PDB file of N, CA and C in Angstrom:
ATOM      1  N   MET A   1       5.374 -20.176 -14.778  1.00  0.00           N
ATOM      2  CA  MET A   1       4.813 -20.263 -13.425  1.00  0.00           C
ATOM      3  C   MET A   1       5.676 -19.463 -12.452  1.00  0.00           C
ATOM      4  N   TYR A   2       6.990 -19.543 -12.641  1.00  0.00           N
ATOM      5  CA  TYR A   2       7.882 -18.797 -11.746  1.00  0.00           C
ATOM      6  C   TYR A   2       7.657 -17.299 -11.906  1.00  0.00           C
ATOM      7  N   SER A   3       7.565 -16.854 -13.161  1.00  0.00           N
ATOM      8  CA  SER A   3       7.371 -15.419 -13.407  1.00  0.00           C
ATOM      9  C   SER A   3       6.016 -14.967 -12.853  1.00  0.00           C
ATOM     10  N   GLN A   4       5.012 -15.856 -12.935  1.00  0.00           N
ATOM     11  CA  GLN A   4       3.677 -15.495 -12.433  1.00  0.00           C
ATOM     12  C   GLN A   4       3.728 -15.256 -10.924  1.00  0.00           C
ATOM     13  N   SER A   5       4.405 -16.151 -10.193  1.00  0.00           N
ATOM     14  CA  SER A   5       4.491 -15.991  -8.737  1.00  0.00           C
ATOM     15  C   SER A   5       5.277 -14.731  -8.410  1.00  0.00           C
ATOM     16  N   CYS A   6       6.304 -14.438  -9.206  1.00  0.00           N
ATOM     17  CA  CYS A   6       7.117 -13.243  -8.956  1.00  0.00           C
ATOM     18  C   CYS A   6       6.272 -11.997  -9.156  1.00  0.00           C
ATOM     19  N   SER A   7       5.474 -11.974 -10.217  1.00  0.00           N
ATOM     20  CA  SER A   7       4.633 -10.804 -10.491  1.00  0.00           C
ATOM     21  C   SER A   7       3.570 -10.653  -9.405  1.00  0.00           C
ATOM     22  N   SER A   8       3.016 -11.772  -8.940  1.00  0.00           N
ATOM     23  CA  SER A   8       1.991 -11.700  -7.892  1.00  0.00           C
ATOM     24  C   SER A   8       2.601 -11.133  -6.620  1.00  0.00           C
ATOM     25  N   LYS A   9       3.843 -11.529  -6.327  1.00  0.00           N
ATOM     26  CA  LYS A   9       4.513 -11.011  -5.131  1.00  0.00           C
ATOM     27  C   LYS A   9       4.734  -9.519  -5.284  1.00  0.00           C
ATOM     28  N   ARG A  10       5.120  -9.095  -6.498  1.00  0.00           N
ATOM     29  CA  ARG A  10       5.356  -7.670  -6.745  1.00  0.00           C
ATOM     30  C   ARG A  10       4.050  -6.901  -6.590  1.00  0.00           C
ATOM     31  N   ILE A  11       2.953  -7.464  -7.104  1.00  0.00           N
ATOM     32  CA  ILE A  11       1.645  -6.803  -6.996  1.00  0.00           C
ATOM     33  C   ILE A  11       1.248  -6.694  -5.530  1.00  0.00           C
ATOM     34  N   ARG A  12       1.527  -7.758  -4.761  1.00  0.00           N
ATOM     35  CA  ARG A  12       1.175  -7.744  -3.339  1.00  0.00           C
ATOM     36  C   ARG A  12       1.946  -6.640  -2.625  1.00  0.00           C
ATOM     37  N   GLN A  13       3.238  -6.493  -2.956  1.00  0.00           N
ATOM     38  CA  GLN A  13       4.042  -5.435  -2.335  1.00  0.00           C
ATOM     39  C   GLN A  13       3.492  -4.073  -2.734  1.00  0.00           C
ATOM     40  N   HIS A  14       3.067  -3.938  -4.011  1.00  0.00           N
ATOM     41  CA  HIS A  14       2.533  -2.662  -4.492  1.00  0.00           C
ATOM     42  C   HIS A  14       1.260  -2.307  -3.726  1.00  0.00           C
ATOM     43  N   LEU A  15       0.372  -3.296  -3.544  1.00  0.00           N
ATOM     44  CA  LEU A  15      -0.876  -3.053  -2.804  1.00  0.00           C
ATOM     45  C   LEU A  15      -0.562  -2.674  -1.361  1.00  0.00           C
ATOM     46  N   HIS A  16       0.458  -3.321  -0.775  1.00  0.00           N
ATOM     47  CA  HIS A  16       0.826  -3.019   0.611  1.00  0.00           C
ATOM     48  C   HIS A  16       1.302  -1.578   0.711  1.00  0.00           C
ATOM     49  N   SER A  17       2.118  -1.143  -0.259  1.00  0.00           N
ATOM     50  CA  SER A  17       2.627   0.235  -0.227  1.00  0.00           C
ATOM     51  C   SER A  17       1.469   1.216  -0.377  1.00  0.00           C
ATOM     52  N   ILE A  18       0.471   0.863  -1.207  1.00  0.00           N
ATOM     53  CA  ILE A  18      -0.694   1.741  -1.392  1.00  0.00           C
ATOM     54  C   ILE A  18      -1.472   1.832  -0.079  1.00  0.00           C
ATOM     55  N   LYS A  19      -1.638   0.687   0.602  1.00  0.00           N
ATOM     56  CA  LYS A  19      -2.357   0.694   1.887  1.00  0.00           C
ATOM     57  C   LYS A  19      -1.631   1.583   2.881  1.00  0.00           C
ATOM     58  N   VAL A  20      -0.314   1.463   2.947  1.00  0.00           N
ATOM     59  CA  VAL A  20       0.473   2.276   3.879  1.00  0.00           C
ATOM     60  C   VAL A  20       0.312   3.751   3.535  1.00  0.00           C
ATOM     61  N   GLY A  21       0.334   4.078   2.232  1.00  0.00           N
ATOM     62  CA  GLY A  21       0.191   5.473   1.811  1.00  0.00           C
ATOM     63  C   GLY A  21      -1.173   6.020   2.204  1.00  0.00           C
ATOM     64  N   LEU A  22      -2.227   5.233   1.971  1.00  0.00           N
ATOM     65  CA  LEU A  22      -3.577   5.676   2.333  1.00  0.00           C
ATOM     66  C   LEU A  22      -3.695   5.844   3.842  1.00  0.00           C
ATOM     67  N   PHE A  23      -3.101   4.929   4.595  1.00  0.00           N
ATOM     68  CA  PHE A  23      -3.162   5.004   6.060  1.00  0.00           C
ATOM     69  C   PHE A  23      -2.460   6.271   6.540  1.00  0.00           C
ATOM     70  N   LEU A  24      -1.292   6.564   5.956  1.00  0.00           N
ATOM     71  CA  LEU A  24      -0.551   7.765   6.354  1.00  0.00           C
ATOM     72  C   LEU A  24      -1.359   9.006   6.005  1.00  0.00           C
ATOM     73  N   GLU A  25      -1.952   9.028   4.813  1.00  0.00           N
ATOM     74  CA  GLU A  25      -2.753  10.191   4.405  1.00  0.00           C
ATOM     75  C   GLU A  25      -3.938  10.364   5.348  1.00  0.00           C
ATOM     76  N   GLY A  26      -4.595   9.258   5.700  1.00  0.00           N
ATOM     77  CA  GLY A  26      -5.751   9.332   6.596  1.00  0.00           C
ATOM     78  C   GLY A  26      -5.352   9.857   7.967  1.00  0.00           C
ATOM     79  N   SER A  27      -4.237   9.357   8.499  1.00  0.00           N
ATOM     80  CA  SER A  27      -3.800   9.803   9.830  1.00  0.00           C
ATOM     81  C   SER A  27      -3.417  11.273   9.788  1.00  0.00           C
ATOM     82  N   ILE A  28      -2.770  11.709   8.706  1.00  0.00           N
ATOM     83  CA  ILE A  28      -2.360  13.118   8.589  1.00  0.00           C
ATOM     84  C   ILE A  28      -3.601  14.006   8.509  1.00  0.00           C
ATOM     85  N   SER A  29      -4.597  13.602   7.719  1.00  0.00           N
ATOM     86  CA  SER A  29      -5.818  14.411   7.582  1.00  0.00           C
ATOM     87  C   SER A  29      -6.543  14.485   8.924  1.00  0.00           C
ATOM     88  N   MET A  30      -6.558  13.376   9.673  1.00  0.00           N
ATOM     89  CA  MET A  30      -7.219  13.370  10.983  1.00  0.00           C
ATOM     90  C   MET A  30      -6.512  14.341  11.922  1.00  0.00           C
ATOM     91  N   VAL A  31      -5.191  14.346  11.897  1.00  0.00           N
ATOM     92  CA  VAL A  31      -4.419  15.233  12.782  1.00  0.00           C
ATOM     93  C   VAL A  31      -4.669  16.689  12.408  1.00  0.00           C
ATOM     94  N   THR A  32      -4.730  16.979  11.105  1.00  0.00           N
ATOM     95  CA  THR A  32      -4.913  18.370  10.674  1.00  0.00           C
ATOM     96  C   THR A  32      -6.320  18.861  11.008  1.00  0.00           C
ATOM     97  N   THR A  33      -7.326  17.977  10.918  1.00  0.00           N
ATOM     98  CA  THR A  33      -8.705  18.399  11.188  1.00  0.00           C
ATOM     99  C   THR A  33      -8.908  18.635  12.682  1.00  0.00           C
ATOM    100  N   VAL A  34      -8.221  17.877  13.524  1.00  0.00           N
ATOM    101  CA  VAL A  34      -8.402  18.015  14.984  1.00  0.00           C
ATOM    102  C   VAL A  34      -7.845  19.352  15.450  1.00  0.00           C
TER     103      VAL A  34
END
């Protein structure tokens, strides 16, 4: 159970980093298109 919660936390951090990466890519593309 402990390892499961640890892995879920790691997955949550991974998803957060992916969201940040997509947000940065989107903002950069918007700036370049303008």
